[in-house]
Amino acid sequence: MDIYTDIDLANIWGTIRKRLDKNEIGILPTDTIYGLTGNALELEVVERILEIKGRNNPPSLIPHSVEWARLLIAPEQLELFASYIYNFAGAYTSLWKYSDRFVKLPPPLHTTGLIGIRFPGHWITGFSHNIEFPLITTSANVHMKPYLTGLDNIPPDIKDKVDFMIYEGNLAGPPSTIIHCYRGLPFSREERR
């Protein structure tokens, strides 16, 4: 696994884009904790990330634009989405009913009929916009194990299966709060620790 630091950031955007284009898996920081990431439009990438995590639950997406994310939302939720999505920038993951009318995501991303949308208050959101494709975002840990907060606690099962990491120092979380938008108003919240 190659490790880049925040000192490298100004010089590595093209390199990271090329690595993601080659379906590589990375560990990137967010506004909460480190996350596994890759090109969300590639089935191979989605399957590898789920294998690394040891689970089948679909990961969330960092869309490259709100307009593109809107294309994923079921028609009956479009008005709610338009009214509330901007409230969930930052340390939130909003869950919406998924529709494949316009965008067909790899099947593992929507096995529950829902889609998780995340716009972290972090440069990774702008990076997704600049590379013009959505990124997977899911905590960089094996399912039910401690969250990755820094270099000193990368489990070997993850380190050996990931291609690169951008390290920004220790991140203390907690993970994003889940907002259950698919149930309609009032939205329920799920805090994670």
Protein backbone atom coordinates (compact mmCIF):
# COMPACT_ATOMS: atom_id res chain seq x y z
CA MET A 1 0.00 0.00 0.00
CA ASP A 2 1.39 3.38 -1.03
CA ILE A 3 0.94 6.16 1.53
CA TYR A 4 0.62 9.82 0.58
CA THR A 5 0.45 12.58 3.17
CA ASP A 6 -1.29 15.92 3.30
CA ILE A 7 2.04 17.46 2.24
CA ASP A 8 1.69 15.57 -1.08
CA LEU A 9 -1.89 16.73 -1.78
CA ALA A 10 -1.11 19.56 -4.17
CA ASN A 11 0.90 17.23 -6.40
CA ILE A 12 -1.05 13.96 -6.39
CA TRP A 13 -4.57 14.71 -7.68
CA GLY A 14 -3.76 13.40 -11.16
CA THR A 15 -2.06 10.33 -9.72
CA ILE A 16 -5.03 9.51 -7.48
CA ARG A 17 -7.43 10.01 -10.40
CA LYS A 18 -5.40 7.59 -12.55
CA ARG A 19 -5.33 5.03 -9.75
CA LEU A 20 -9.10 5.24 -9.32
CA ASP A 21 -9.52 4.97 -13.11
CA LYS A 22 -7.56 1.68 -12.88
CA ASN A 23 -10.12 0.42 -10.30
CA GLU A 24 -7.73 0.70 -7.40
CA ILE A 25 -9.03 0.89 -3.83
CA GLY A 26 -7.87 3.63 -1.50
CA ILE A 27 -8.20 4.78 2.07
CA LEU A 28 -9.05 8.47 2.12
CA PRO A 29 -9.81 10.83 4.98
CA THR A 30 -13.23 12.40 5.43
CA ASP A 31 -14.60 14.90 7.92
CA THR A 32 -15.09 12.06 10.43
CA ILE A 33 -12.90 8.96 10.00
CA TYR A 34 -10.89 7.24 7.27
CA GLY A 35 -12.92 5.49 4.61
CA LEU A 36 -12.43 2.88 1.92
CA THR A 37 -13.05 4.40 -1.46
CA GLY A 38 -13.03 3.67 -5.16
CA ASN A 39 -15.03 4.35 -8.32
CA ALA A 40 -18.64 3.64 -7.38
CA LEU A 41 -19.60 2.91 -10.99
CA GLU A 42 -17.32 -0.15 -11.25
CA LEU A 43 -18.72 -3.50 -10.09
CA GLU A 44 -15.21 -4.90 -9.48
CA VAL A 45 -14.45 -2.02 -7.09
CA VAL A 46 -17.73 -2.35 -5.19
CA GLU A 47 -17.23 -6.11 -4.79
CA ARG A 48 -13.63 -5.69 -3.60
CA ILE A 49 -14.63 -3.13 -0.98
CA LEU A 50 -17.42 -5.34 0.33
CA GLU A 51 -14.99 -8.26 0.48
CA ILE A 52 -12.46 -6.16 2.42
CA LYS A 53 -15.20 -5.10 4.87
CA GLY A 54 -16.52 -8.64 5.23
CA ARG A 55 -20.13 -7.63 4.76
CA ASN A 56 -22.88 -7.42 2.16
CA ASN A 57 -24.57 -4.16 3.22
CA PRO A 58 -24.17 -1.58 0.46
CA PRO A 59 -21.74 1.28 1.11
CA SER A 60 -22.70 4.92 0.62
CA LEU A 61 -21.69 7.25 -2.19
CA ILE A 62 -20.02 10.63 -2.39
CA PRO A 63 -21.71 11.85 -5.59
CA HIS A 64 -19.83 14.14 -7.93
CA SER A 65 -22.81 16.51 -7.95
CA VAL A 66 -26.18 16.97 -6.30
CA GLU A 67 -27.76 16.93 -9.77
CA TRP A 68 -26.32 13.46 -10.46
CA ALA A 69 -27.39 12.22 -7.01
CA ARG A 70 -30.94 13.36 -7.78
CA LEU A 71 -31.00 10.89 -10.69
CA LEU A 72 -30.70 8.04 -8.15
CA ILE A 73 -33.73 9.02 -6.09
CA ALA A 74 -37.15 7.37 -6.41
CA PRO A 75 -39.76 9.70 -7.96
CA GLU A 76 -41.88 9.84 -4.81
CA GLN A 77 -38.92 11.23 -2.85
CA LEU A 78 -37.66 13.85 -5.31
CA GLU A 79 -39.44 16.76 -3.64
CA LEU A 80 -38.08 15.82 -0.20
CA PHE A 81 -34.62 15.30 -1.67
CA ALA A 82 -34.63 18.74 -3.30
CA SER A 83 -35.83 20.39 -0.08
CA TYR A 84 -33.49 18.67 2.37
CA ILE A 85 -30.30 17.32 0.74
CA TYR A 86 -28.35 20.53 1.42
CA ASN A 87 -29.11 20.12 5.13
CA PHE A 88 -27.07 16.92 5.14
CA ALA A 89 -23.69 18.25 4.07
CA GLY A 90 -21.04 17.38 6.61
CA ALA A 91 -21.00 14.40 8.95
CA TYR A 92 -24.26 12.88 7.70
CA THR A 93 -25.24 9.97 5.48
CA SER A 94 -28.77 10.32 4.15
CA LEU A 95 -30.62 7.18 3.06
CA TRP A 96 -33.14 7.52 0.23
CA LYS A 97 -35.28 5.16 -1.85
CA TYR A 98 -33.28 4.22 -4.94
CA SER A 99 -34.53 4.25 -8.52
CA ASP A 100 -32.60 2.97 -11.52
CA ARG A 101 -34.66 5.00 -14.03
CA PHE A 102 -31.66 7.08 -15.10
CA VAL A 103 -28.54 5.55 -13.51
CA LYS A 104 -27.94 1.85 -13.09
CA LEU A 105 -25.46 1.39 -10.29
CA PRO A 106 -23.62 -1.89 -9.71
CA PRO A 107 -26.12 -4.21 -7.98
CA PRO A 108 -24.32 -4.45 -4.63
CA LEU A 109 -24.92 -0.72 -4.10
CA HIS A 110 -28.70 -1.03 -3.97
CA THR A 111 -29.58 -4.49 -2.67
CA THR A 112 -31.76 -2.93 0.04
CA GLY A 113 -33.68 -0.66 -2.34
CA LEU A 114 -32.00 2.31 -0.66
CA ILE A 115 -29.04 4.49 -1.56
CA GLY A 116 -26.77 6.24 0.94
CA ILE A 117 -25.66 9.75 -0.04
CA ARG A 118 -22.84 11.60 1.71
CA PHE A 119 -21.36 15.07 1.09
CA PRO A 120 -18.54 15.31 3.68
CA GLY A 121 -17.38 18.73 4.82
CA HIS A 122 -13.95 17.85 3.47
CA TRP A 123 -11.87 18.18 0.29
CA ILE A 124 -12.94 14.66 -0.79
CA THR A 125 -16.32 16.08 -1.85
CA GLY A 126 -14.64 18.57 -4.20
CA PHE A 127 -12.30 15.85 -5.42
CA SER A 128 -15.28 13.68 -6.44
CA HIS A 129 -16.72 16.70 -8.28
CA ASN A 130 -13.43 17.33 -10.09
CA ILE A 131 -12.97 13.72 -11.24
CA GLU A 132 -16.62 13.64 -12.38
CA PHE A 133 -17.60 10.28 -10.94
CA PRO A 134 -19.01 9.16 -7.61
CA LEU A 135 -16.85 7.60 -4.94
CA ILE A 136 -17.76 4.85 -2.56
CA THR A 137 -17.47 5.83 1.06
CA THR A 138 -17.53 3.32 3.88
CA SER A 139 -15.54 3.16 7.07
CA ALA A 140 -12.08 1.60 6.63
CA ASN A 141 -12.56 -1.27 9.00
CA VAL A 142 -13.61 -4.89 8.93
CA HIS A 143 -17.32 -5.16 9.80
CA MET A 144 -17.91 -4.81 13.57
CA LYS A 145 -14.24 -3.99 14.28
CA PRO A 146 -12.85 -0.62 15.46
CA TYR A 147 -12.83 2.26 12.98
CA LEU A 148 -9.56 3.27 11.33
CA THR A 149 -8.38 6.52 12.88
CA GLY A 150 -4.71 6.60 11.84
CA LEU A 151 -1.68 4.70 10.58
CA ASP A 152 -1.14 2.87 13.84
CA ASN A 153 -4.40 0.91 13.70
CA ILE A 154 -4.67 -0.30 10.09
CA PRO A 155 -5.68 -3.96 10.34
CA PRO A 156 -3.41 -6.25 8.26
CA ASP A 157 -6.49 -7.65 6.43
CA ILE A 158 -7.16 -4.16 5.09
CA LYS A 159 -3.58 -2.97 4.58
CA ASP A 160 -2.81 -5.99 2.37
CA LYS A 161 -5.89 -5.47 0.15
CA VAL A 162 -5.79 -1.69 -0.37
CA ASP A 163 -3.67 0.01 -3.03
CA PHE A 164 -3.07 3.45 -1.51
CA MET A 165 -3.87 5.77 1.37
CA ILE A 166 -3.90 9.52 1.84
CA TYR A 167 -2.93 10.15 5.45
CA GLU A 168 -3.91 13.38 7.21
CA GLY A 169 -3.01 12.46 10.77
CA ASN A 170 -5.28 10.88 13.33
CA LEU A 171 -9.02 11.33 12.80
CA ALA A 172 -11.16 10.86 15.87
CA GLY A 173 -14.61 10.34 14.36
CA PRO A 174 -17.32 9.44 15.23
CA PRO A 175 -18.66 8.06 11.94
CA SER A 176 -21.35 10.03 10.13
CA THR A 177 -24.85 10.19 11.54
CA ILE A 178 -27.35 8.25 9.42
CA ILE A 179 -30.51 10.11 8.45
CA HIS A 180 -33.36 7.78 7.42
CA CYS A 181 -35.00 9.92 4.72
CA TYR A 182 -36.69 7.01 2.95
CA ARG A 183 -39.35 6.85 5.69
CA GLY A 184 -40.43 10.43 5.01
CA LEU A 185 -40.88 13.21 7.54
CA PRO A 186 -39.97 13.45 10.30
CA PHE A 187 -36.56 11.96 9.45
CA SER A 188 -35.09 9.67 12.08
CA ARG A 189 -31.42 9.86 13.03
CA GLU A 190 -29.02 7.07 13.92
CA GLU A 191 -25.87 8.12 15.79
CA ARG A 192 -22.96 5.70 15.47
CA ARG A 193 -19.96 5.33 17.78
